[in-house]
C-alpha atoms as a PDB file:
ATOM      1  CA  MET A   1      -0.040  -0.212  -0.367  1.00  0.00           C
ATOM      2  CA  ALA A   2       1.035   3.951  -0.118  1.00  0.00           C
ATOM      3  CA  LYS A   3       2.481   5.130   1.522  1.00  0.00           C
ATOM      4  CA  ASN A   4       2.701   9.940   2.011  1.00  0.00           C
ATOM      5  CA  MET A   5       5.961  10.057   4.315  1.00  0.00           C
ATOM      6  CA  GLN A   6       7.084  13.304   3.773  1.00  0.00           C
ATOM      7  CA  PRO A   7       8.270  15.470   6.291  1.00  0.00           C
ATOM      8  CA  VAL A   8       4.754  16.820   8.039  1.00  0.00           C
ATOM      9  CA  ALA A   9       6.389  20.890   9.137  1.00  0.00           C
ATOM     10  CA  LYS A  10       7.972  21.000   6.132  1.00  0.00           C
ATOM     11  CA  ARG A  11       4.563  19.702   3.732  1.00  0.00           C
ATOM     12  CA  CYS A  12       2.856  21.920   5.607  1.00  0.00           C
ATOM     13  CA  ALA A  13       4.907  25.416   5.371  1.00  0.00           C
ATOM     14  CA  ALA A  14       4.997  24.119   1.546  1.00  0.00           C
ATOM     15  CA  LEU A  15       1.243  24.706   1.338  1.00  0.00           C
ATOM     16  CA  ASP A  16       0.514  26.984   3.939  1.00  0.00           C
ATOM     17  CA  ILE A  17      -1.334  25.263   6.076  1.00  0.00           C
ATOM     18  CA  SER A  18      -1.221  24.648   9.774  1.00  0.00           C
ATOM     19  CA  PRO A  19       0.818  21.374  11.090  1.00  0.00           C
ATOM     20  CA  ALA A  20      -2.430  21.719  13.374  1.00  0.00           C
ATOM     21  CA  ALA A  21      -4.464  20.444  10.787  1.00  0.00           C
ATOM     22  CA  MET A  22      -2.634  17.227  10.420  1.00  0.00           C
ATOM     23  CA  GLY A  23      -2.546  17.082  14.578  1.00  0.00           C
ATOM     24  CA  TYR A  24       0.242  18.547  15.268  1.00  0.00           C
ATOM     25  CA  SER A  25       2.397  20.886  17.491  1.00  0.00           C
ATOM     26  CA  LYS A  26       1.310  24.467  15.477  1.00  0.00           C
ATOM     27  CA  LYS A  27       5.077  25.567  16.829  1.00  0.00           C
ATOM     28  CA  THR A  28       7.651  25.201  13.834  1.00  0.00           C
ATOM     29  CA  THR A  29      10.703  27.198  13.264  1.00  0.00           C
ATOM     30  CA  ASN A  30      10.760  29.313  10.165  1.00  0.00           C
ATOM     31  CA  ARG A  31      14.940  29.007   9.581  1.00  0.00           C
ATOM     32  CA  ASN A  32      14.232  30.851   6.290  1.00  0.00           C
ATOM     33  CA  PRO A  33      12.124  34.341   6.571  1.00  0.00           C
ATOM     34  CA  LYS A  34      12.272  34.732   3.438  1.00  0.00           C
ATOM     35  CA  ALA A  35      10.749  31.573   2.989  1.00  0.00           C
ATOM     36  CA  ASN A  36       7.117  32.813   3.150  1.00  0.00           C
ATOM     37  CA  VAL A  37       7.570  35.121   0.701  1.00  0.00           C
ATOM     38  CA  ARG A  38       5.757  33.565  -2.818  1.00  0.00           C
ATOM     39  CA  LYS A  39       5.518  34.905  -6.240  1.00  0.00           C
ATOM     40  CA  LYS A  40       2.219  35.218  -7.513  1.00  0.00           C
ATOM     41  CA  LYS A  41       1.013  32.256  -8.208  1.00  0.00           C
ATOM     42  CA  SER A  42      -0.472  31.219 -11.610  1.00  0.00           C
ATOM     43  CA  GLU A  43      -4.963  29.800 -11.171  1.00  0.00           C
ATOM     44  CA  TYR A  44      -3.782  26.206 -12.328  1.00  0.00           C
ATOM     45  CA  ALA A  45      -1.371  26.871  -9.468  1.00  0.00           C
ATOM     46  CA  MET A  46      -3.191  28.165  -7.357  1.00  0.00           C
ATOM     47  CA  GLN A  47      -5.976  24.871  -8.142  1.00  0.00           C
ATOM     48  CA  LEU A  48      -3.249  22.219  -7.769  1.00  0.00           C
ATOM     49  CA  ASN A  49      -2.040  23.414  -4.716  1.00  0.00           C
ATOM     50  CA  GLU A  50      -5.813  23.053  -2.514  1.00  0.00           C
ATOM     51  CA  LYS A  51      -5.840  19.637  -3.942  1.00  0.00           C
ATOM     52  CA  GLN A  52      -2.534  18.452  -2.614  1.00  0.00           C
ATOM     53  CA  LYS A  53      -3.703  19.983   0.629  1.00  0.00           C
ATOM     54  CA  VAL A  54      -6.732  18.318   1.234  1.00  0.00           C
ATOM     55  CA  LYS A  55      -4.793  15.005  -0.105  1.00  0.00           C
ATOM     56  CA  PHE A  56      -1.571  15.624   2.187  1.00  0.00           C
ATOM     57  CA  VAL A  57      -3.833  16.551   5.730  1.00  0.00           C
ATOM     58  CA  TYR A  58      -6.009  13.363   4.750  1.00  0.00           C
ATOM     59  CA  GLY A  59      -3.262  11.544   3.714  1.00  0.00           C
ATOM     60  CA  ILE A  60      -4.411   9.881   0.269  1.00  0.00           C
ATOM     61  CA  MET A  61      -3.083   9.106  -2.673  1.00  0.00           C
ATOM     62  CA  GLU A  62      -4.150  10.096  -6.551  1.00  0.00           C
ATOM     63  CA  LYS A  63      -5.939   7.204  -7.458  1.00  0.00           C
ATOM     64  CA  GLN A  64      -8.082   7.262  -5.166  1.00  0.00           C
ATOM     65  CA  PHE A  65      -8.916  11.122  -4.781  1.00  0.00           C
ATOM     66  CA  ARG A  66      -9.543  11.089  -8.040  1.00  0.00           C
ATOM     67  CA  MET A  67     -12.488   8.670  -7.143  1.00  0.00           C
ATOM     68  CA  TYR A  68     -13.423  10.424  -4.781  1.00  0.00           C
ATOM     69  CA  TYR A  69     -14.237  13.314  -7.200  1.00  0.00           C
ATOM     70  CA  GLU A  70     -15.475  11.290  -9.299  1.00  0.00           C
ATOM     71  CA  LYS A  71     -18.164  10.147  -6.913  1.00  0.00           C
ATOM     72  CA  ALA A  72     -18.669  13.605  -5.553  1.00  0.00           C
ATOM     73  CA  SER A  73     -19.324  14.379  -8.841  1.00  0.00           C
ATOM     74  CA  LYS A  74     -22.323  12.176  -9.219  1.00  0.00           C
ATOM     75  CA  THR A  75     -24.156  13.367  -5.659  1.00  0.00           C
ATOM     76  CA  GLN A  76     -26.278  15.769  -5.409  1.00  0.00           C
ATOM     77  CA  GLY A  77     -25.250  18.959  -4.383  1.00  0.00           C
ATOM     78  CA  LYS A  78     -22.113  21.044  -4.696  1.00  0.00           C
ATOM     79  CA  THR A  79     -18.823  18.526  -5.931  1.00  0.00           C
ATOM     80  CA  GLY A  80     -16.777  20.399  -3.863  1.00  0.00           C
ATOM     81  CA  GLU A  81     -19.037  19.988  -0.631  1.00  0.00           C
ATOM     82  CA  ASN A  82     -19.277  17.023  -1.153  1.00  0.00           C
ATOM     83  CA  LEU A  83     -15.651  15.873  -1.814  1.00  0.00           C
ATOM     84  CA  LEU A  84     -14.684  16.707   1.408  1.00  0.00           C
ATOM     85  CA  ILE A  85     -17.843  15.293   2.780  1.00  0.00           C
ATOM     86  CA  LEU A  86     -16.397  11.858   1.565  1.00  0.00           C
ATOM     87  CA  VAL A  87     -12.648  11.771   2.804  1.00  0.00           C
ATOM     88  CA  GLU A  88     -14.034  13.815   6.293  1.00  0.00           C
ATOM     89  CA  ARG A  89     -16.191  10.479   6.375  1.00  0.00           C
ATOM     90  CA  ARG A  90     -13.303   7.789   6.184  1.00  0.00           C
ATOM     91  CA  LEU A  91     -12.511   5.681   9.094  1.00  0.00           C
ATOM     92  CA  ASP A  92      -9.136   6.332   9.748  1.00  0.00           C
ATOM     93  CA  ASN A  93     -10.223  10.122  10.020  1.00  0.00           C
ATOM     94  CA  VAL A  94     -12.787   9.554  12.538  1.00  0.00           C
ATOM     95  CA  VAL A  95     -10.390   8.163  14.404  1.00  0.00           C
ATOM     96  CA  TYR A  96      -8.540  10.725  14.820  1.00  0.00           C
ATOM     97  CA  ARG A  97     -11.685  13.794  14.936  1.00  0.00           C
ATOM     98  CA  LEU A  98     -12.702  11.395  18.089  1.00  0.00           C
ATOM     99  CA  GLY A  99      -9.787  11.424  19.848  1.00  0.00           C
ATOM    100  CA  LEU A 100      -8.582   8.173  19.207  1.00  0.00           C
ATOM    101  CA  ALA A 101      -5.751   8.510  18.284  1.00  0.00           C
ATOM    102  CA  MET A 102      -2.717  11.237  18.697  1.00  0.00           C
ATOM    103  CA  THR A 103      -2.499  11.815  14.498  1.00  0.00           C
ATOM    104  CA  ARG A 104      -4.489  11.155  11.454  1.00  0.00           C
ATOM    105  CA  ARG A 105      -1.389   9.128  10.123  1.00  0.00           C
ATOM    106  CA  GLU A 106      -1.031   7.256  13.243  1.00  0.00           C
ATOM    107  CA  ALA A 107      -4.857   6.636  13.287  1.00  0.00           C
ATOM    108  CA  ARG A 108      -4.298   4.821   9.582  1.00  0.00           C
ATOM    109  CA  GLN A 109      -1.817   2.722  11.139  1.00  0.00           C
ATOM    110  CA  LEU A 110      -4.286   1.942  14.171  1.00  0.00           C
ATOM    111  CA  VAL A 111      -6.613   1.025  11.939  1.00  0.00           C
ATOM    112  CA  ASN A 112      -4.598  -0.711   9.330  1.00  0.00           C
ATOM    113  CA  HIS A 113      -3.980  -3.158  12.426  1.00  0.00           C
ATOM    114  CA  GLY A 114      -7.160  -4.045  13.007  1.00  0.00           C
ATOM    115  CA  HIS A 115      -7.642  -1.930  16.636  1.00  0.00           C
ATOM    116  CA  PHE A 116     -11.331  -0.547  15.858  1.00  0.00           C
ATOM    117  CA  THR A 117     -14.532  -2.235  15.302  1.00  0.00           C
ATOM    118  CA  VAL A 118     -17.036  -0.364  13.518  1.00  0.00           C
ATOM    119  CA  ASN A 119     -20.844  -1.436  14.556  1.00  0.00           C
ATOM    120  CA  GLY A 120     -18.746  -4.548  16.649  1.00  0.00           C
ATOM    121  CA  LYS A 121     -17.359  -5.898  12.951  1.00  0.00           C
ATOM    122  CA  ARG A 122     -13.348  -5.228  13.021  1.00  0.00           C
ATOM    123  CA  VAL A 123     -12.613  -3.438  10.185  1.00  0.00           C
ATOM    124  CA  ASN A 124      -8.584  -2.606   8.885  1.00  0.00           C
ATOM    125  CA  ILE A 125      -9.608  -0.647   6.228  1.00  0.00           C
ATOM    126  CA  PRO A 126      -8.602   3.586   6.484  1.00  0.00           C
ATOM    127  CA  SER A 127     -10.417   4.356   3.669  1.00  0.00           C
ATOM    128  CA  TYR A 128     -14.096   2.503   4.466  1.00  0.00           C
ATOM    129  CA  LEU A 129     -16.527   5.224   4.699  1.00  0.00           C
ATOM    130  CA  VAL A 130     -19.001   5.883   8.428  1.00  0.00           C
ATOM    131  CA  SER A 131     -22.330   6.643   8.022  1.00  0.00           C
ATOM    132  CA  ALA A 132     -25.005   8.391  10.692  1.00  0.00           C
ATOM    133  CA  GLY A 133     -25.718   5.755  13.642  1.00  0.00           C
ATOM    134  CA  ASP A 134     -22.258   3.713  13.294  1.00  0.00           C
ATOM    135  CA  VAL A 135     -20.516   3.048  16.714  1.00  0.00           C
ATOM    136  CA  ILE A 136     -16.780   2.798  16.166  1.00  0.00           C
ATOM    137  CA  GLU A 137     -14.644   1.094  18.823  1.00  0.00           C
ATOM    138  CA  VAL A 138     -11.795   0.335  20.441  1.00  0.00           C
ATOM    139  CA  ALA A 139     -11.760  -3.392  19.870  1.00  0.00           C
ATOM    140  CA  GLU A 140     -11.715  -5.767  23.414  1.00  0.00           C
ATOM    141  CA  LYS A 141      -8.792  -7.648  23.122  1.00  0.00           C
ATOM    142  CA  SER A 142      -6.398  -3.894  21.938  1.00  0.00           C
ATOM    143  CA  ARG A 143      -8.476  -2.416  25.685  1.00  0.00           C
ATOM    144  CA  SER A 144      -5.188  -3.443  27.408  1.00  0.00           C
ATOM    145  CA  SER A 145      -2.435  -1.638  25.497  1.00  0.00           C
ATOM    146  CA  VAL A 146      -0.741   1.687  26.571  1.00  0.00           C
ATOM    147  CA  LYS A 147      -2.161   3.540  23.433  1.00  0.00           C
ATOM    148  CA  PHE A 148      -5.393   3.524  24.949  1.00  0.00           C
ATOM    149  CA  LYS A 149      -4.604   2.857  28.138  1.00  0.00           C
ATOM    150  CA  ARG A 150      -4.124   6.746  28.395  1.00  0.00           C
ATOM    151  CA  LEU A 151      -7.542   7.554  26.256  1.00  0.00           C
ATOM    152  CA  THR A 152      -8.875   6.967  29.947  1.00  0.00           C
ATOM    153  CA  GLY A 153      -9.018   7.735  33.721  1.00  0.00           C
ATOM    154  CA  GLU A 154      -8.621  10.804  35.562  1.00  0.00           C
ATOM    155  CA  ASP A 155      -5.956  11.956  33.808  1.00  0.00           C
ATOM    156  CA  ALA A 156      -7.883  11.080  29.943  1.00  0.00           C
ATOM    157  CA  VAL A 157      -7.473  14.287  27.736  1.00  0.00           C
ATOM    158  CA  VAL A 158     -10.677  15.623  26.581  1.00  0.00           C
ATOM    159  CA  VAL A 159     -10.668  16.104  22.868  1.00  0.00           C
ATOM    160  CA  MET A 160     -13.361  18.569  22.014  1.00  0.00           C
ATOM    161  CA  VAL A 161     -14.907  16.473  18.451  1.00  0.00           C
ATOM    162  CA  PRO A 162     -17.072  17.865  15.994  1.00  0.00           C
ATOM    163  CA  GLN A 163     -20.994  17.877  16.311  1.00  0.00           C
ATOM    164  CA  TRP A 164     -20.851  14.804  13.953  1.00  0.00           C
ATOM    165  CA  LEU A 165     -19.301  12.894  16.269  1.00  0.00           C
ATOM    166  CA  GLU A 166     -20.178  12.085  19.932  1.00  0.00           C
ATOM    167  CA  ARG A 167     -17.634  10.626  22.384  1.00  0.00           C
ATOM    168  CA  GLU A 168     -18.232  10.279  25.690  1.00  0.00           C
ATOM    169  CA  LYS A 169     -14.754  10.813  28.168  1.00  0.00           C
ATOM    170  CA  ASN A 170     -12.850   8.125  29.428  1.00  0.00           C
ATOM    171  CA  SER A 171     -15.139   5.771  26.851  1.00  0.00           C
ATOM    172  CA  LEU A 172     -12.843   3.714  23.692  1.00  0.00           C
ATOM    173  CA  LYS A 173     -16.388   4.493  21.886  1.00  0.00           C
ATOM    174  CA  GLY A 174     -17.257   6.970  19.527  1.00  0.00           C
ATOM    175  CA  THR A 175     -20.592   7.712  17.426  1.00  0.00           C
ATOM    176  CA  VAL A 176     -21.606   9.046  14.050  1.00  0.00           C
ATOM    177  CA  THR A 177     -24.604  10.694  15.080  1.00  0.00           C
ATOM    178  CA  ARG A 178     -24.902  12.381  11.723  1.00  0.00           C
ATOM    179  CA  MET A 179     -23.486  12.775   8.430  1.00  0.00           C
ATOM    180  CA  PRO A 180     -20.693  15.988   8.386  1.00  0.00           C
ATOM    181  CA  LEU A 181     -21.633  18.857   6.792  1.00  0.00           C
ATOM    182  CA  ARG A 182     -19.052  21.609   5.207  1.00  0.00           C
ATOM    183  CA  GLU A 183     -19.197  23.485   8.484  1.00  0.00           C
ATOM    184  CA  ASP A 184     -18.060  20.655  10.251  1.00  0.00           C
ATOM    185  CA  ILE A 185     -14.657  20.944   8.276  1.00  0.00           C
ATOM    186  CA  ASP A 186     -11.963  23.243   9.729  1.00  0.00           C
ATOM    187  CA  LEU A 187      -9.361  22.776   7.334  1.00  0.00           C
ATOM    188  CA  PRO A 188      -8.838  26.101   5.448  1.00  0.00           C
ATOM    189  CA  VAL A 189      -9.446  24.508   1.802  1.00  0.00           C
ATOM    190  CA  GLU A 190     -10.966  26.146  -1.255  1.00  0.00           C
ATOM    191  CA  GLU A 191     -12.435  23.450  -2.428  1.00  0.00           C
ATOM    192  CA  HIS A 192     -14.025  24.688  -5.710  1.00  0.00           C
ATOM    193  CA  LEU A 193     -11.129  25.174  -7.445  1.00  0.00           C
ATOM    194  CA  ILE A 194     -10.492  21.339  -6.487  1.00  0.00           C
ATOM    195  CA  VAL A 195     -13.512  21.416  -8.816  1.00  0.00           C
ATOM    196  CA  GLU A 196     -12.334  23.965 -11.406  1.00  0.00           C
ATOM    197  CA  LEU A 197      -8.306  21.448 -11.736  1.00  0.00           C
ATOM    198  CA  TYR A 198     -10.447  18.195 -12.594  1.00  0.00           C
ATOM    199  CA  SER A 199     -12.964  20.334 -15.086  1.00  0.00           C
ATOM    200  CA  LYS A 200     -10.098  21.231 -17.275  1.00  0.00           C
END
């Protein structure tokens, strides 16, 4: 399976996004003060940048991203919004959003290793799309892991989950209360530029 192994901080700087969008600390060292002084981008460059931004944040390769776009274009509503909603529904993203993993990369790895169930059934496909009513839970055999033990107890960090998800404190379970809306997605991206790029 293809993986994006680019250095997070460096790639975030290139795409002009905060590392916080990836689940990392906002503290990054800018060794070159002139690095942020960019030349005016062409229309194509701006469109490509927005596409690369979404692909990088969600950890999606080009072939799969194209499939999401095709599906989004056939769904009723705005194609750009549909595209973002589709990638937001990925199981690895939901695991991250529920606070069951520190980053999306970690969430993808945990899902791959079969640490989660959806409605009681083990799912090891990061791209699995969740639906309203789905219950995502840490598998019984994985609960004794140090990685998950830190999520429960008095010292457990309280995570602010999006309004379309629900997770009780100290629990290793989350519920998809409804489908995500565009306003639930806090990634600073102009999705219409991605649509324009693919429409050419």
